[in-house]
Amino acid sequence: MWVSRLTNTFDTVPVPSFEPPAVLFSTWQLAQDPVSWADKKSVQAVKKFLTAFSPAIWAEGYKRGRDGILGVSAVVLEFEDGSRVEDVLELFVAWKFYFYTSFQHRSDCPRFRLVLPFEEPLPVEEHQRAWDAAAALCRGRGYEPDPTCREPSRLYYLPTYTPSRAA
């Protein structure tokens, strides 16, 4: 699957990379625990240094943003509304997908990403139609994916764990 790698949230120059999704989404990075999980600034201070990816591929010389996108390799749906992982995955059982929990996931408050890769990267307009269709399927069952994930240039942190949430 073609993705763009970013070393952290300050990185504006995406590096295209072809990576097997099974490896990309099963290799977890270790991060320090925030000073306080309840303090948004404390959590953001840790997250801004995490390695990330984007399903968008940019033309050489372009920085992360809408301009210069050559194609998008996947629909990414992010759930932070308390949806149960099993319930959402059941909707996509006939599709090839990958999922992983996000940085702030807790068993009592599930947060996760569902990645639906394409055979080949799609133009932005086709990606957005595919995202809309996948989101509509979820909404039809009462699950609300984060609408900001429709943006093809969106950055996603790779799977991450912290010492306090390693179990």
Foldseek 3Di string as FASTA:
>chain_A
DWKWKAQFQVGFATHIDDDDVVVQQPDAAEWADFPDLVDPVSVVVGRRRFIKIAQWDADPPGTQDDPRTPFGFWQKFKAQPQDDPVVLVVLQVVADKDKDFAASADPRGTIMMIIGGDPDGHPLVVLLVVNVVSQVSQVVVPTHTDVVSSGRSDIGGHHYDYPVGPD
